[in-house]
């Protein structure tokens, strides 16, 4: 994860509770192998849901952008594929 992610100007519009969760995620992400980032992200989402916090698509896109800043092209493509899958599954669940 980009070490300077907290400096991203897009975060200024985000709820402080969400930023707190992202900070916790960043700490966890630093200590897990790259192939474990998705489960770590899913656990963040579960924690957020338990607290009544939901990330909208724009916020999720921001998170993915920050997370993928230092990834290889293949890793970015994989993450984008997972993001698209997540969106499709979310749409199905909202029907």
PDB file of N, CA and C in Angstrom:
ATOM      1  N   UNK A   1       0.848  -1.175   0.000  1.00  0.00           N
ATOM      2  CA  UNK A   1       0.000   0.000   0.000  1.00  0.00           C
ATOM      3  C   UNK A   1       0.890   1.234   0.000  1.00  0.00           C
ATOM      4  N   UNK A   2       0.483   2.231  -0.723  1.00  0.00           N
ATOM      5  CA  UNK A   2       1.222   3.478  -0.796  1.00  0.00           C
ATOM      6  C   UNK A   2       1.381   4.073   0.593  1.00  0.00           C
ATOM      7  N   UNK A   3       2.618   4.338   0.977  1.00  0.00           N
ATOM      8  CA  UNK A   3       2.909   4.823   2.319  1.00  0.00           C
ATOM      9  C   UNK A   3       2.282   6.206   2.583  1.00  0.00           C
ATOM     10  N   UNK A   4       2.056   6.981   1.542  1.00  0.00           N
ATOM     11  CA  UNK A   4       1.497   8.326   1.690  1.00  0.00           C
ATOM     12  C   UNK A   4       0.003   8.393   1.391  1.00  0.00           C
ATOM     13  N   UNK A   5      -0.698   7.301   1.538  1.00  0.00           N
ATOM     14  CA  UNK A   5      -2.104   7.253   1.153  1.00  0.00           C
ATOM     15  C   UNK A   5      -2.946   8.253   1.921  1.00  0.00           C
ATOM     16  N   UNK A   6      -2.575   8.567   3.146  1.00  0.00           N
ATOM     17  CA  UNK A   6      -3.363   9.516   3.944  1.00  0.00           C
ATOM     18  C   UNK A   6      -3.292  10.936   3.386  1.00  0.00           C
ATOM     19  N   UNK A   7      -2.341  11.183   2.504  1.00  0.00           N
ATOM     20  CA  UNK A   7      -2.197  12.504   1.905  1.00  0.00           C
ATOM     21  C   UNK A   7      -3.075  12.682   0.672  1.00  0.00           C
ATOM     22  N   UNK A   8      -3.763  11.637   0.266  1.00  0.00           N
ATOM     23  CA  UNK A   8      -4.595  11.700  -0.933  1.00  0.00           C
ATOM     24  C   UNK A   8      -5.710  12.715  -0.702  1.00  0.00           C
ATOM     25  N   UNK A   9      -5.809  13.749  -1.547  1.00  0.00           N
ATOM     26  CA  UNK A   9      -6.805  14.805  -1.339  1.00  0.00           C
ATOM     27  C   UNK A   9      -8.253  14.316  -1.406  1.00  0.00           C
ATOM     28  N   UNK A  10      -8.476  13.175  -2.046  1.00  0.00           N
ATOM     29  CA  UNK A  10      -9.837  12.651  -2.137  1.00  0.00           C
ATOM     30  C   UNK A  10     -10.368  12.198  -0.774  1.00  0.00           C
ATOM     31  N   UNK A  11      -9.475  11.971   0.167  1.00  0.00           N
ATOM     32  CA  UNK A  11      -9.899  11.537   1.502  1.00  0.00           C
ATOM     33  C   UNK A  11     -10.550  12.658   2.308  1.00  0.00           C
ATOM     34  N   UNK A  12     -10.326  13.892   1.918  1.00  0.00           N
ATOM     35  CA  UNK A  12     -10.868  15.033   2.672  1.00  0.00           C
ATOM     36  C   UNK A  12     -12.393  15.003   2.750  1.00  0.00           C
ATOM     37  N   UNK A  13     -13.031  14.402   1.758  1.00  0.00           N
ATOM     38  CA  UNK A  13     -14.497  14.338   1.740  1.00  0.00           C
ATOM     39  C   UNK A  13     -15.040  13.132   2.507  1.00  0.00           C
ATOM     40  N   UNK A  14     -14.153  12.231   2.919  1.00  0.00           N
ATOM     41  CA  UNK A  14     -14.602  10.981   3.520  1.00  0.00           C
ATOM     42  C   UNK A  14     -14.862  11.133   5.022  1.00  0.00           C
ATOM     43  N   UNK A  15     -15.860  10.402   5.488  1.00  0.00           N
ATOM     44  CA  UNK A  15     -16.235  10.355   6.890  1.00  0.00           C
ATOM     45  C   UNK A  15     -15.028   9.913   7.730  1.00  0.00           C
ATOM     46  N   UNK A  16     -14.756  10.594   8.849  1.00  0.00           N
ATOM     47  CA  UNK A  16     -13.615  10.226   9.706  1.00  0.00           C
ATOM     48  C   UNK A  16     -13.663   8.784  10.219  1.00  0.00           C
ATOM     49  N   UNK A  17     -14.854   8.238  10.435  1.00  0.00           N
ATOM     50  CA  UNK A  17     -14.955   6.841  10.862  1.00  0.00           C
ATOM     51  C   UNK A  17     -14.438   5.902   9.776  1.00  0.00           C
ATOM     52  N   UNK A  18     -14.723   6.248   8.543  1.00  0.00           N
ATOM     53  CA  UNK A  18     -14.257   5.432   7.435  1.00  0.00           C
ATOM     54  C   UNK A  18     -12.740   5.529   7.312  1.00  0.00           C
ATOM     55  N   UNK A  19     -12.218   6.714   7.497  1.00  0.00           N
ATOM     56  CA  UNK A  19     -10.761   6.892   7.444  1.00  0.00           C
ATOM     57  C   UNK A  19     -10.096   6.092   8.555  1.00  0.00           C
ATOM     58  N   UNK A  20     -10.718   6.047   9.703  1.00  0.00           N
ATOM     59  CA  UNK A  20     -10.193   5.254  10.809  1.00  0.00           C
ATOM     60  C   UNK A  20     -10.133   3.769  10.438  1.00  0.00           C
ATOM     61  N   UNK A  21     -11.194   3.275   9.801  1.00  0.00           N
ATOM     62  CA  UNK A  21     -11.198   1.882   9.342  1.00  0.00           C
ATOM     63  C   UNK A  21     -10.120   1.649   8.290  1.00  0.00           C
ATOM     64  N   UNK A  22      -9.944   2.599   7.396  1.00  0.00           N
ATOM     65  CA  UNK A  22      -8.917   2.466   6.375  1.00  0.00           C
ATOM     66  C   UNK A  22      -7.523   2.458   6.993  1.00  0.00           C
ATOM     67  N   UNK A  23      -7.342   3.248   8.030  1.00  0.00           N
ATOM     68  CA  UNK A  23      -6.060   3.267   8.732  1.00  0.00           C
ATOM     69  C   UNK A  23      -5.778   1.899   9.345  1.00  0.00           C
ATOM     70  N   UNK A  24      -6.801   1.310   9.948  1.00  0.00           N
ATOM     71  CA  UNK A  24      -6.662  -0.028  10.517  1.00  0.00           C
ATOM     72  C   UNK A  24      -6.339  -1.035   9.413  1.00  0.00           C
ATOM     73  N   UNK A  25      -7.019  -0.920   8.289  1.00  0.00           N
ATOM     74  CA  UNK A  25      -6.748  -1.807   7.164  1.00  0.00           C
ATOM     75  C   UNK A  25      -5.303  -1.655   6.697  1.00  0.00           C
ATOM     76  N   UNK A  26      -4.836  -0.408   6.588  1.00  0.00           N
ATOM     77  CA  UNK A  26      -3.471  -0.158   6.119  1.00  0.00           C
ATOM     78  C   UNK A  26      -2.457  -0.820   7.049  1.00  0.00           C
ATOM     79  N   UNK A  27      -2.711  -0.751   8.336  1.00  0.00           N
ATOM     80  CA  UNK A  27      -1.803  -1.386   9.297  1.00  0.00           C
ATOM     81  C   UNK A  27      -1.783  -2.899   9.080  1.00  0.00           C
ATOM     82  N   UNK A  28      -2.956  -3.476   8.893  1.00  0.00           N
ATOM     83  CA  UNK A  28      -3.033  -4.922   8.656  1.00  0.00           C
ATOM     84  C   UNK A  28      -2.378  -5.295   7.343  1.00  0.00           C
ATOM     85  N   UNK A  29      -2.628  -4.495   6.313  1.00  0.00           N
ATOM     86  CA  UNK A  29      -2.120  -4.799   4.970  1.00  0.00           C
ATOM     87  C   UNK A  29      -0.598  -4.801   4.924  1.00  0.00           C
ATOM     88  N   UNK A  30       0.025  -4.010   5.773  1.00  0.00           N
ATOM     89  CA  UNK A  30       1.487  -3.960   5.795  1.00  0.00           C
ATOM     90  C   UNK A  30       2.089  -5.280   6.266  1.00  0.00           C
ATOM     91  N   UNK A  31       1.338  -6.027   7.062  1.00  0.00           N
ATOM     92  CA  UNK A  31       1.901  -7.233   7.671  1.00  0.00           C
ATOM     93  C   UNK A  31       1.425  -8.535   7.022  1.00  0.00           C
ATOM     94  N   UNK A  32       0.624  -8.441   5.965  1.00  0.00           N
ATOM     95  CA  UNK A  32       0.148  -9.663   5.319  1.00  0.00           C
ATOM     96  C   UNK A  32       0.729  -9.769   3.909  1.00  0.00           C
ATOM     97  N   UNK A  33       0.910 -10.990   3.426  1.00  0.00           N
ATOM     98  CA  UNK A  33       1.373 -11.168   2.038  1.00  0.00           C
ATOM     99  C   UNK A  33       0.332 -10.605   1.068  1.00  0.00           C
ATOM    100  N   UNK A  34       0.785 -10.202  -0.098  1.00  0.00           N
ATOM    101  CA  UNK A  34      -0.110  -9.609  -1.093  1.00  0.00           C
ATOM    102  C   UNK A  34      -1.285 -10.515  -1.430  1.00  0.00           C
ATOM    103  N   UNK A  35      -1.055 -11.829  -1.419  1.00  0.00           N
ATOM    104  CA  UNK A  35      -2.151 -12.734  -1.764  1.00  0.00           C
ATOM    105  C   UNK A  35      -3.200 -12.826  -0.665  1.00  0.00           C
ATOM    106  N   UNK A  36      -2.952 -12.173   0.472  1.00  0.00           N
ATOM    107  CA  UNK A  36      -3.913 -12.162   1.563  1.00  0.00           C
ATOM    108  C   UNK A  36      -4.627 -10.816   1.694  1.00  0.00           C
ATOM    109  N   UNK A  37      -4.365  -9.896   0.762  1.00  0.00           N
ATOM    110  CA  UNK A  37      -5.013  -8.580   0.835  1.00  0.00           C
ATOM    111  C   UNK A  37      -6.524  -8.671   0.670  1.00  0.00           C
ATOM    112  N   UNK A  38      -6.989  -9.522  -0.224  1.00  0.00           N
ATOM    113  CA  UNK A  38      -8.435  -9.630  -0.432  1.00  0.00           C
ATOM    114  C   UNK A  38      -9.146 -10.099   0.841  1.00  0.00           C
ATOM    115  N   UNK A  39      -8.683 -11.181   1.496  1.00  0.00           N
ATOM    116  CA  UNK A  39      -9.339 -11.556   2.754  1.00  0.00           C
ATOM    117  C   UNK A  39      -9.273 -10.448   3.801  1.00  0.00           C
ATOM    118  N   UNK A  40      -8.171  -9.710   3.799  1.00  0.00           N
ATOM    119  CA  UNK A  40      -8.040  -8.597   4.738  1.00  0.00           C
ATOM    120  C   UNK A  40      -9.048  -7.508   4.408  1.00  0.00           C
ATOM    121  N   UNK A  41      -9.221  -7.221   3.121  1.00  0.00           N
ATOM    122  CA  UNK A  41     -10.207  -6.239   2.699  1.00  0.00           C
ATOM    123  C   UNK A  41     -11.620  -6.697   3.044  1.00  0.00           C
ATOM    124  N   UNK A  42     -11.892  -7.974   2.850  1.00  0.00           N
ATOM    125  CA  UNK A  42     -13.215  -8.506   3.186  1.00  0.00           C
ATOM    126  C   UNK A  42     -13.482  -8.406   4.688  1.00  0.00           C
ATOM    127  N   UNK A  43     -12.453  -8.614   5.496  1.00  0.00           N
ATOM    128  CA  UNK A  43     -12.646  -8.487   6.943  1.00  0.00           C
ATOM    129  C   UNK A  43     -12.921  -7.032   7.314  1.00  0.00           C
ATOM    130  N   UNK A  44     -12.283  -6.098   6.621  1.00  0.00           N
ATOM    131  CA  UNK A  44     -12.556  -4.678   6.843  1.00  0.00           C
ATOM    132  C   UNK A  44     -14.009  -4.371   6.518  1.00  0.00           C
ATOM    133  N   UNK A  45     -14.484  -4.894   5.407  1.00  0.00           N
ATOM    134  CA  UNK A  45     -15.863  -4.676   4.999  1.00  0.00           C
ATOM    135  C   UNK A  45     -16.832  -5.241   6.032  1.00  0.00           C
ATOM    136  N   UNK A  46     -16.517  -6.421   6.550  1.00  0.00           N
ATOM    137  CA  UNK A  46     -17.370  -7.038   7.570  1.00  0.00           C
ATOM    138  C   UNK A  46     -17.391  -6.193   8.846  1.00  0.00           C
ATOM    139  N   UNK A  47     -16.235  -5.706   9.253  1.00  0.00           N
ATOM    140  CA  UNK A  47     -16.166  -4.854  10.447  1.00  0.00           C
ATOM    141  C   UNK A  47     -16.959  -3.568  10.236  1.00  0.00           C
ATOM    142  N   UNK A  48     -16.827  -2.995   9.055  1.00  0.00           N
ATOM    143  CA  UNK A  48     -17.558  -1.767   8.748  1.00  0.00           C
ATOM    144  C   UNK A  48     -19.062  -2.025   8.812  1.00  0.00           C
ATOM    145  N   UNK A  49     -19.501  -3.122   8.243  1.00  0.00           N
ATOM    146  CA  UNK A  49     -20.927  -3.456   8.255  1.00  0.00           C
ATOM    147  C   UNK A  49     -21.440  -3.634   9.677  1.00  0.00           C
ATOM    148  N   UNK A  50     -20.640  -4.269  10.521  1.00  0.00           N
ATOM    149  CA  UNK A  50     -21.037  -4.456  11.915  1.00  0.00           C
ATOM    150  C   UNK A  50     -21.201  -3.117  12.634  1.00  0.00           C
ATOM    151  N   UNK A  51     -20.438  -2.132  12.195  1.00  0.00           N
ATOM    152  CA  UNK A  51     -20.504  -0.804  12.804  1.00  0.00           C
ATOM    153  C   UNK A  51     -21.510   0.098  12.092  1.00  0.00           C
ATOM    154  N   UNK A  52     -22.209  -0.458  11.108  1.00  0.00           N
ATOM    155  CA  UNK A  52     -23.195   0.322  10.373  1.00  0.00           C
ATOM    156  C   UNK A  52     -22.587   1.269   9.356  1.00  0.00           C
ATOM    157  N   UNK A  53     -21.365   0.989   8.936  1.00  0.00           N
ATOM    158  CA  UNK A  53     -20.663   1.839   7.978  1.00  0.00           C
ATOM    159  C   UNK A  53     -20.582   1.114   6.643  1.00  0.00           C
ATOM    160  N   UNK A  54     -20.956   1.817   5.581  1.00  0.00           N
ATOM    161  CA  UNK A  54     -20.862   1.248   4.243  1.00  0.00           C
ATOM    162  C   UNK A  54     -20.046   2.174   3.366  1.00  0.00           C
ATOM    163  N   UNK A  55     -19.178   1.584   2.559  1.00  0.00           N
ATOM    164  CA  UNK A  55     -18.383   2.354   1.607  1.00  0.00           C
ATOM    165  C   UNK A  55     -19.126   2.373   0.286  1.00  0.00           C
ATOM    166  N   UNK A  56     -19.328   3.579  -0.268  1.00  0.00           N
ATOM    167  CA  UNK A  56     -19.985   3.663  -1.567  1.00  0.00           C
ATOM    168  C   UNK A  56     -18.985   3.307  -2.668  1.00  0.00           C
ATOM    169  N   UNK A  57     -19.445   3.248  -3.901  1.00  0.00           N
ATOM    170  CA  UNK A  57     -18.574   2.852  -5.003  1.00  0.00           C
ATOM    171  C   UNK A  57     -17.383   3.788  -5.159  1.00  0.00           C
ATOM    172  N   UNK A  58     -17.607   5.077  -5.022  1.00  0.00           N
ATOM    173  CA  UNK A  58     -16.517   6.048  -5.160  1.00  0.00           C
ATOM    174  C   UNK A  58     -15.456   5.820  -4.086  1.00  0.00           C
ATOM    175  N   UNK A  59     -15.900   5.575  -2.856  1.00  0.00           N
ATOM    176  CA  UNK A  59     -14.958   5.342  -1.764  1.00  0.00           C
ATOM    177  C   UNK A  59     -14.214   4.023  -1.952  1.00  0.00           C
ATOM    178  N   UNK A  60     -14.909   3.017  -2.432  1.00  0.00           N
ATOM    179  CA  UNK A  60     -14.268   1.731  -2.685  1.00  0.00           C
ATOM    180  C   UNK A  60     -13.261   1.861  -3.812  1.00  0.00           C
ATOM    181  N   UNK A  61     -13.606   2.608  -4.852  1.00  0.00           N
ATOM    182  CA  UNK A  61     -12.668   2.847  -5.944  1.00  0.00           C
ATOM    183  C   UNK A  61     -11.426   3.571  -5.432  1.00  0.00           C
ATOM    184  N   UNK A  62     -11.620   4.523  -4.539  1.00  0.00           N
ATOM    185  CA  UNK A  62     -10.498   5.246  -3.943  1.00  0.00           C
ATOM    186  C   UNK A  62      -9.608   4.278  -3.174  1.00  0.00           C
ATOM    187  N   UNK A  63     -10.214   3.436  -2.370  1.00  0.00           N
ATOM    188  CA  UNK A  63      -9.453   2.457  -1.600  1.00  0.00           C
ATOM    189  C   UNK A  63      -8.648   1.554  -2.530  1.00  0.00           C
ATOM    190  N   UNK A  64      -9.280   1.065  -3.582  1.00  0.00           N
ATOM    191  CA  UNK A  64      -8.589   0.195  -4.533  1.00  0.00           C
ATOM    192  C   UNK A  64      -7.441   0.936  -5.220  1.00  0.00           C
ATOM    193  N   UNK A  65      -7.672   2.178  -5.547  1.00  0.00           N
ATOM    194  CA  UNK A  65      -6.635   2.986  -6.178  1.00  0.00           C
ATOM    195  C   UNK A  65      -5.434   3.150  -5.254  1.00  0.00           C
ATOM    196  N   UNK A  66      -5.697   3.438  -4.010  1.00  0.00           N
ATOM    197  CA  UNK A  66      -4.625   3.602  -3.033  1.00  0.00           C
ATOM    198  C   UNK A  66      -3.884   2.283  -2.834  1.00  0.00           C
ATOM    199  N   UNK A  67      -4.640   1.199  -2.706  1.00  0.00           N
ATOM    200  CA  UNK A  67      -4.030  -0.112  -2.467  1.00  0.00           C
ATOM    201  C   UNK A  67      -3.155  -0.558  -3.627  1.00  0.00           C
ATOM    202  N   UNK A  68      -3.566  -0.239  -4.828  1.00  0.00           N
ATOM    203  CA  UNK A  68      -2.867  -0.762  -5.995  1.00  0.00           C
ATOM    204  C   UNK A  68      -1.739   0.138  -6.488  1.00  0.00           C
ATOM    205  N   UNK A  69      -1.496   1.243  -5.828  1.00  0.00           N
ATOM    206  CA  UNK A  69      -0.503   2.207  -6.298  1.00  0.00           C
ATOM    207  C   UNK A  69       0.879   1.598  -6.518  1.00  0.00           C
ATOM    208  N   UNK A  70       1.291   0.685  -5.676  1.00  0.00           N
ATOM    209  CA  UNK A  70       2.628   0.102  -5.797  1.00  0.00           C
ATOM    210  C   UNK A  70       2.614  -1.333  -6.303  1.00  0.00           C
ATOM    211  N   UNK A  71       1.527  -1.723  -6.921  1.00  0.00           N
ATOM    212  CA  UNK A  71       1.415  -3.088  -7.434  1.00  0.00           C
ATOM    213  C   UNK A  71       1.893  -3.173  -8.876  1.00  0.00           C
ATOM    214  N   UNK A  72       2.226  -4.385  -9.263  1.00  0.00           N
ATOM    215  CA  UNK A  72       2.582  -4.618 -10.661  1.00  0.00           C
ATOM    216  C   UNK A  72       1.323  -4.536 -11.516  1.00  0.00           C
ATOM    217  N   UNK A  73       1.506  -4.475 -12.827  1.00  0.00           N
ATOM    218  CA  UNK A  73       0.367  -4.398 -13.744  1.00  0.00           C
ATOM    219  C   UNK A  73      -0.534  -5.628 -13.601  1.00  0.00           C
ATOM    220  N   UNK A  74       0.062  -6.801 -13.465  1.00  0.00           N
ATOM    221  CA  UNK A  74      -0.734  -8.025 -13.299  1.00  0.00           C
ATOM    222  C   UNK A  74      -1.539  -7.995 -12.008  1.00  0.00           C
ATOM    223  N   UNK A  75      -0.942  -7.517 -10.940  1.00  0.00           N
ATOM    224  CA  UNK A  75      -1.655  -7.431  -9.658  1.00  0.00           C
ATOM    225  C   UNK A  75      -2.812  -6.442  -9.751  1.00  0.00           C
ATOM    226  N   UNK A  76      -2.584  -5.317 -10.441  1.00  0.00           N
ATOM    227  CA  UNK A  76      -3.656  -4.325 -10.623  1.00  0.00           C
ATOM    228  C   UNK A  76      -4.823  -4.908 -11.411  1.00  0.00           C
ATOM    229  N   UNK A  77      -4.503  -5.651 -12.467  1.00  0.00           N
ATOM    230  CA  UNK A  77      -5.556  -6.274 -13.282  1.00  0.00           C
ATOM    231  C   UNK A  77      -6.353  -7.271 -12.446  1.00  0.00           C
ATOM    232  N   UNK A  78      -5.657  -8.026 -11.652  1.00  0.00           N
ATOM    233  CA  UNK A  78      -6.329  -9.000 -10.788  1.00  0.00           C
ATOM    234  C   UNK A  78      -7.246  -8.298  -9.793  1.00  0.00           C
ATOM    235  N   UNK A  79      -6.747  -7.204  -9.215  1.00  0.00           N
ATOM    236  CA  UNK A  79      -7.548  -6.452  -8.262  1.00  0.00           C
ATOM    237  C   UNK A  79      -8.774  -5.850  -8.938  1.00  0.00           C
ATOM    238  N   UNK A  80      -8.609  -5.354 -10.148  1.00  0.00           N
ATOM    239  CA  UNK A  80      -9.739  -4.782 -10.881  1.00  0.00           C
ATOM    240  C   UNK A  80     -10.771  -5.854 -11.204  1.00  0.00           C
ATOM    241  N   UNK A  81     -10.308  -7.026 -11.557  1.00  0.00           N
ATOM    242  CA  UNK A  81     -11.224  -8.142 -11.807  1.00  0.00           C
ATOM    243  C   UNK A  81     -12.027  -8.462 -10.550  1.00  0.00           C
ATOM    244  N   UNK A  82     -11.349  -8.494  -9.418  1.00  0.00           N
ATOM    245  CA  UNK A  82     -12.036  -8.744  -8.152  1.00  0.00           C
ATOM    246  C   UNK A  82     -13.025  -7.631  -7.829  1.00  0.00           C
ATOM    247  N   UNK A  83     -12.659  -6.410  -8.145  1.00  0.00           N
ATOM    248  CA  UNK A  83     -13.553  -5.269  -7.903  1.00  0.00           C
ATOM    249  C   UNK A  83     -14.817  -5.397  -8.752  1.00  0.00           C
ATOM    250  N   UNK A  84     -14.657  -5.744 -10.016  1.00  0.00           N
ATOM    251  CA  UNK A  84     -15.817  -5.909 -10.895  1.00  0.00           C
ATOM    252  C   UNK A  84     -16.703  -7.055 -10.419  1.00  0.00           C
ATOM    253  N   UNK A  85     -16.083  -8.144 -10.003  1.00  0.00           N
ATOM    254  CA  UNK A  85     -16.838  -9.270  -9.466  1.00  0.00           C
ATOM    255  C   UNK A  85     -17.619  -8.846  -8.225  1.00  0.00           C
ATOM    256  N   UNK A  86     -16.964  -8.093  -7.372  1.00  0.00           N
ATOM    257  CA  UNK A  86     -17.615  -7.604  -6.155  1.00  0.00           C
ATOM    258  C   UNK A  86     -18.825  -6.733  -6.483  1.00  0.00           C
ATOM    259  N   UNK A  87     -18.677  -5.848  -7.459  1.00  0.00           N
ATOM    260  CA  UNK A  87     -19.800  -4.992  -7.864  1.00  0.00           C
ATOM    261  C   UNK A  87     -20.968  -5.818  -8.386  1.00  0.00           C
ATOM    262  N   UNK A  88     -20.646  -6.816  -9.213  1.00  0.00           N
ATOM    263  CA  UNK A  88     -21.707  -7.660  -9.766  1.00  0.00           C
ATOM    264  C   UNK A  88     -22.425  -8.442  -8.682  1.00  0.00           C
ATOM    265  N   UNK A  89     -21.681  -8.964  -7.735  1.00  0.00           N
ATOM    266  CA  UNK A  89     -22.294  -9.695  -6.631  1.00  0.00           C
ATOM    267  C   UNK A  89     -23.143  -8.767  -5.762  1.00  0.00           C
ATOM    268  N   UNK A  90     -22.664  -7.555  -5.571  1.00  0.00           N
ATOM    269  CA  UNK A  90     -23.410  -6.579  -4.787  1.00  0.00           C
ATOM    270  C   UNK A  90     -24.733  -6.230  -5.461  1.00  0.00           C
ATOM    271  N   UNK A  91     -24.719  -6.088  -6.772  1.00  0.00           N
ATOM    272  CA  UNK A  91     -25.956  -5.778  -7.512  1.00  0.00           C
ATOM    273  C   UNK A  91     -26.948  -6.909  -7.391  1.00  0.00           C
ATOM    274  N   UNK A  92     -26.470  -8.137  -7.433  1.00  0.00           N
ATOM    275  CA  UNK A  92     -27.357  -9.287  -7.288  1.00  0.00           C
ATOM    276  C   UNK A  92     -27.997  -9.316  -5.918  1.00  0.00           C
ATOM    277  N   UNK A  93     -27.207  -8.973  -4.903  1.00  0.00           N
ATOM    278  CA  UNK A  93     -27.726  -8.997  -3.535  1.00  0.00           C
ATOM    279  C   UNK A  93     -28.733  -7.911  -3.259  1.00  0.00           C
ATOM    280  N   UNK A  94     -28.728  -6.849  -4.046  1.00  0.00           N
ATOM    281  CA  UNK A  94     -29.650  -5.728  -3.850  1.00  0.00           C
ATOM    282  C   UNK A  94     -30.965  -5.895  -4.597  1.00  0.00           C
ATOM    283  N   UNK A  95     -31.105  -6.976  -5.353  1.00  0.00           N
ATOM    284  CA  UNK A  95     -32.337  -7.184  -6.131  1.00  0.00           C
ATOM    285  C   UNK A  95     -33.426  -7.747  -5.266  1.00  0.00           C
TER     286      UNK A  95
END
